[in-house]
Protein backbone atom coordinates (compact mmCIF):
# COMPACT_ATOMS: atom_id res chain seq x y z
CA UNK A 1 8.17 -14.13 -13.82
CA UNK A 2 9.70 -10.70 -13.46
CA UNK A 3 9.47 -8.39 -16.42
CA UNK A 4 12.49 -7.47 -18.52
CA UNK A 5 14.04 -4.91 -16.17
CA UNK A 6 17.74 -5.65 -16.61
CA UNK A 7 19.05 -5.68 -13.06
CA UNK A 8 17.87 -5.25 -9.47
CA UNK A 9 19.54 -1.82 -9.52
CA UNK A 10 17.54 -0.73 -12.58
CA UNK A 11 14.40 -2.11 -10.97
CA UNK A 12 14.97 0.13 -7.95
CA UNK A 13 16.06 3.12 -10.02
CA UNK A 14 12.97 3.02 -12.24
CA UNK A 15 10.27 2.44 -9.61
CA UNK A 16 7.65 5.11 -9.64
CA UNK A 17 4.05 5.66 -8.67
CA UNK A 18 1.10 6.09 -10.98
CA UNK A 19 -2.02 7.95 -9.89
CA UNK A 20 -4.66 5.46 -8.78
CA UNK A 21 -7.35 7.19 -10.80
CA UNK A 22 -5.24 6.69 -13.93
CA UNK A 23 -4.56 2.96 -13.41
CA UNK A 24 -6.49 0.73 -15.78
CA UNK A 25 -6.56 -2.91 -16.83
CA UNK A 26 -4.69 -5.05 -17.08
CA UNK A 27 -3.87 -5.59 -13.47
CA UNK A 28 -2.01 -8.58 -12.10
CA UNK A 29 -3.49 -12.01 -12.80
CA UNK A 30 -3.74 -14.59 -10.00
CA UNK A 31 -0.20 -15.96 -10.51
CA UNK A 32 1.33 -12.47 -10.64
CA UNK A 33 -0.59 -11.41 -7.54
CA UNK A 34 0.65 -14.51 -5.71
CA UNK A 35 4.26 -13.63 -6.60
CA UNK A 36 3.76 -10.00 -5.56
CA UNK A 37 2.33 -10.99 -2.17
CA UNK A 38 4.96 -13.69 -1.63
CA UNK A 39 7.67 -11.07 -2.19
CA UNK A 40 5.89 -8.68 0.18
CA UNK A 41 6.31 -11.16 3.02
CA UNK A 42 10.07 -11.66 2.51
CA UNK A 43 11.19 -8.84 4.76
CA UNK A 44 13.09 -8.46 8.02
CA UNK A 45 10.72 -9.63 10.74
CA UNK A 46 12.36 -9.78 14.17
CA UNK A 47 10.68 -12.56 16.14
CA UNK A 48 8.93 -13.99 13.04
CA UNK A 49 5.72 -12.20 14.07
CA UNK A 50 4.40 -11.28 10.61
CA UNK A 51 2.87 -8.08 12.02
CA UNK A 52 1.27 -7.27 8.67
CA UNK A 53 -1.75 -8.51 6.79
CA UNK A 54 -2.65 -7.98 3.15
CA UNK A 55 -6.32 -8.04 2.22
CA UNK A 56 -7.31 -8.17 -1.44
CA UNK A 57 -10.48 -6.27 -2.33
CA UNK A 58 -11.81 -7.99 -5.49
CA UNK A 59 -13.54 -5.94 -8.17
CA UNK A 60 -16.88 -7.55 -7.35
CA UNK A 61 -16.57 -6.28 -3.74
CA UNK A 62 -15.71 -2.67 -4.57
CA UNK A 63 -19.34 -1.54 -4.06
CA UNK A 64 -19.20 -3.07 -0.58
CA UNK A 65 -15.92 -1.26 0.02
CA UNK A 66 -17.52 2.01 -1.07
CA UNK A 67 -20.43 1.39 1.32
CA UNK A 68 -17.96 0.77 4.16
CA UNK A 69 -16.20 4.05 3.36
CA UNK A 70 -19.52 5.93 3.30
CA UNK A 71 -20.47 4.47 6.70
CA UNK A 72 -17.06 5.33 8.17
CA UNK A 73 -17.23 8.84 6.77
CA UNK A 74 -20.72 9.39 8.18
CA UNK A 75 -19.47 8.34 11.62
CA UNK A 76 -16.50 10.71 11.63
CA UNK A 77 -17.21 13.47 9.09
CA UNK A 78 -16.90 16.17 11.74
CA UNK A 79 -13.23 15.28 12.22
CA UNK A 80 -12.51 14.57 8.55
CA UNK A 81 -14.01 17.52 6.77
CA UNK A 82 -16.25 17.59 3.73
CA UNK A 83 -15.75 14.83 1.16
CA UNK A 84 -18.06 14.46 -1.81
CA UNK A 85 -19.92 11.17 -2.18
CA UNK A 86 -18.53 10.80 -5.70
CA UNK A 87 -14.96 11.11 -4.42
CA UNK A 88 -15.52 8.24 -2.00
CA UNK A 89 -17.05 6.11 -4.76
CA UNK A 90 -14.18 6.95 -7.12
CA UNK A 91 -11.61 6.01 -4.47
CA UNK A 92 -13.26 2.62 -3.94
CA UNK A 93 -13.51 1.74 -7.62
CA UNK A 94 -10.18 2.90 -9.07
CA UNK A 95 -7.53 0.56 -10.51
CA UNK A 96 -8.10 -3.10 -11.39
CA UNK A 97 -6.38 -4.39 -8.23
CA UNK A 98 -6.66 -3.14 -4.65
CA UNK A 99 -4.79 -4.49 -1.65
CA UNK A 100 -5.21 -3.12 1.86
CA UNK A 101 -2.15 -3.50 4.10
CA UNK A 102 -2.86 -3.68 7.81
CA UNK A 103 -0.25 -3.21 10.51
CA UNK A 104 -1.27 -5.61 13.26
CA UNK A 105 1.40 -5.59 15.98
CA UNK A 106 1.81 -8.42 18.46
CA UNK A 107 1.61 -6.84 21.91
CA UNK A 108 2.46 -10.00 23.81
CA UNK A 109 5.88 -10.11 22.18
CA UNK A 110 9.20 -8.82 23.48
CA UNK A 111 9.76 -7.24 20.02
CA UNK A 112 9.23 -3.46 20.20
CA UNK A 113 6.19 -2.14 18.33
CA UNK A 114 8.48 0.23 16.42
CA UNK A 115 10.43 -2.72 14.97
CA UNK A 116 7.18 -4.38 13.99
CA UNK A 117 6.01 -1.19 12.27
CA UNK A 118 9.30 -0.99 10.37
CA UNK A 119 8.67 -4.54 9.17
CA UNK A 120 5.24 -3.47 7.93
CA UNK A 121 6.79 -0.61 5.97
CA UNK A 122 9.34 -2.99 4.47
CA UNK A 123 6.57 -5.43 3.49
CA UNK A 124 4.66 -2.61 1.82
CA UNK A 125 7.73 -1.46 -0.10
CA UNK A 126 8.41 -5.03 -1.23
CA UNK A 127 4.83 -5.20 -2.50
CA UNK A 128 5.40 -2.02 -4.51
CA UNK A 129 8.72 -3.26 -5.92
CA UNK A 130 7.37 -6.71 -6.76
CA UNK A 131 4.41 -5.18 -8.62
CA UNK A 132 6.87 -2.96 -10.51
CA UNK A 133 8.97 -6.02 -11.34
CA UNK A 134 5.83 -7.64 -12.76
CA UNK A 135 5.37 -4.61 -15.01
CA UNK A 136 2.65 -2.72 -13.10
CA UNK A 137 2.33 0.67 -11.51
CA UNK A 138 1.26 1.06 -7.90
CA UNK A 139 -0.21 3.96 -6.00
CA UNK A 140 0.29 3.56 -2.23
CA UNK A 141 -2.30 5.79 -0.65
CA UNK A 142 -3.41 6.72 2.78
CA UNK A 143 -6.34 9.03 3.29
CA UNK A 144 -8.72 9.71 6.12
CA UNK A 145 -9.95 6.11 5.62
CA UNK A 146 -6.54 4.74 6.62
CA UNK A 147 -7.00 6.38 10.01
CA UNK A 148 -10.58 5.20 10.52
CA UNK A 149 -11.04 2.58 13.23
CA UNK A 150 -14.22 1.47 11.44
CA UNK A 151 -12.37 0.78 8.19
CA UNK A 152 -9.45 -0.86 10.00
CA UNK A 153 -11.77 -3.18 11.94
CA UNK A 154 -13.51 -4.19 8.71
CA UNK A 155 -10.14 -5.39 7.41
CA UNK A 156 -9.38 -7.48 10.49
CA UNK A 157 -7.36 -4.96 12.46
CA UNK A 158 -7.07 -5.78 16.15
CA UNK A 159 -5.98 -3.67 19.10
CA UNK A 160 -3.73 -0.81 17.97
CA UNK A 161 -3.85 -2.03 14.37
CA UNK A 162 -3.56 0.57 11.65
CA UNK A 163 -4.00 0.59 7.93
CA UNK A 164 -0.54 0.99 6.44
CA UNK A 165 -2.00 1.85 3.06
CA UNK A 166 -4.31 1.17 0.19
CA UNK A 167 -2.34 -0.24 -2.76
CA UNK A 168 -3.91 0.37 -6.15
CA UNK A 169 -2.23 -1.68 -8.90
CA UNK A 170 -2.69 -1.54 -12.64
CA UNK A 171 -1.41 -0.21 -15.93
CA UNK A 172 -1.11 3.49 -16.56
CA UNK A 173 -3.74 4.92 -18.87
CA UNK A 174 -1.82 8.22 -19.08
CA UNK A 175 1.69 9.36 -19.83
CA UNK A 176 3.67 9.47 -16.60
CA UNK A 177 5.48 12.59 -15.48
CA UNK A 178 8.68 12.31 -13.47
CA UNK A 179 8.45 14.03 -10.12
CA UNK A 180 11.33 15.84 -8.42
CA UNK A 181 13.51 13.60 -6.27
CA UNK A 182 15.41 14.70 -3.16
CA UNK A 183 18.82 16.27 -3.59
CA UNK A 184 21.39 13.61 -2.69
CA UNK A 185 23.40 15.93 -0.46
CA UNK A 186 20.29 16.90 1.46
CA UNK A 187 19.49 13.32 2.48
CA UNK A 188 22.87 11.52 2.58
CA UNK A 189 25.82 12.32 4.81
CA UNK A 190 29.02 10.68 6.02
CA UNK A 191 29.37 10.60 9.77
CA UNK A 192 32.53 12.40 10.87
CA UNK A 193 32.70 10.83 14.30
CA UNK A 194 32.33 12.50 17.69
């Protein structure tokens, strides 16, 4: 069940990210995670292709995830730059819940790849909003690992697949600070015609 946010408008107006390193237990239980992922799949999807996949990385597999990241880093460190071993381990073990979203476009379809990628972004945003509605914070991250073909393949990515993000979900262990939001006039306009 959704938490006590009064209206859909207040749900949208209060959504915010928490830093993954500051997300602690509790995370979503099995029923909450099912609702979050069900909501993530209720997005516009021209052609009913479901060009996205969500892979849950359980806590007991986080050491394996860290090992995967170390292997991927070793294979491409010249193009990534220096990353400390501890930073990779921290990334793999933060937050009580981790979901990897993979964009996996259908090339045999008449639906443009761009439309499929937009559907992936919508699915990811629904995941974030559904987790917020369940009372959790989410940190949607991409890093060098999101652009690693080794990491993507390990999560079932096929030809031209990409990791759309790592979604860390939990409860904030620190006071949240509001970040600046865009100026309305800078991002919204009314078209005046030709």
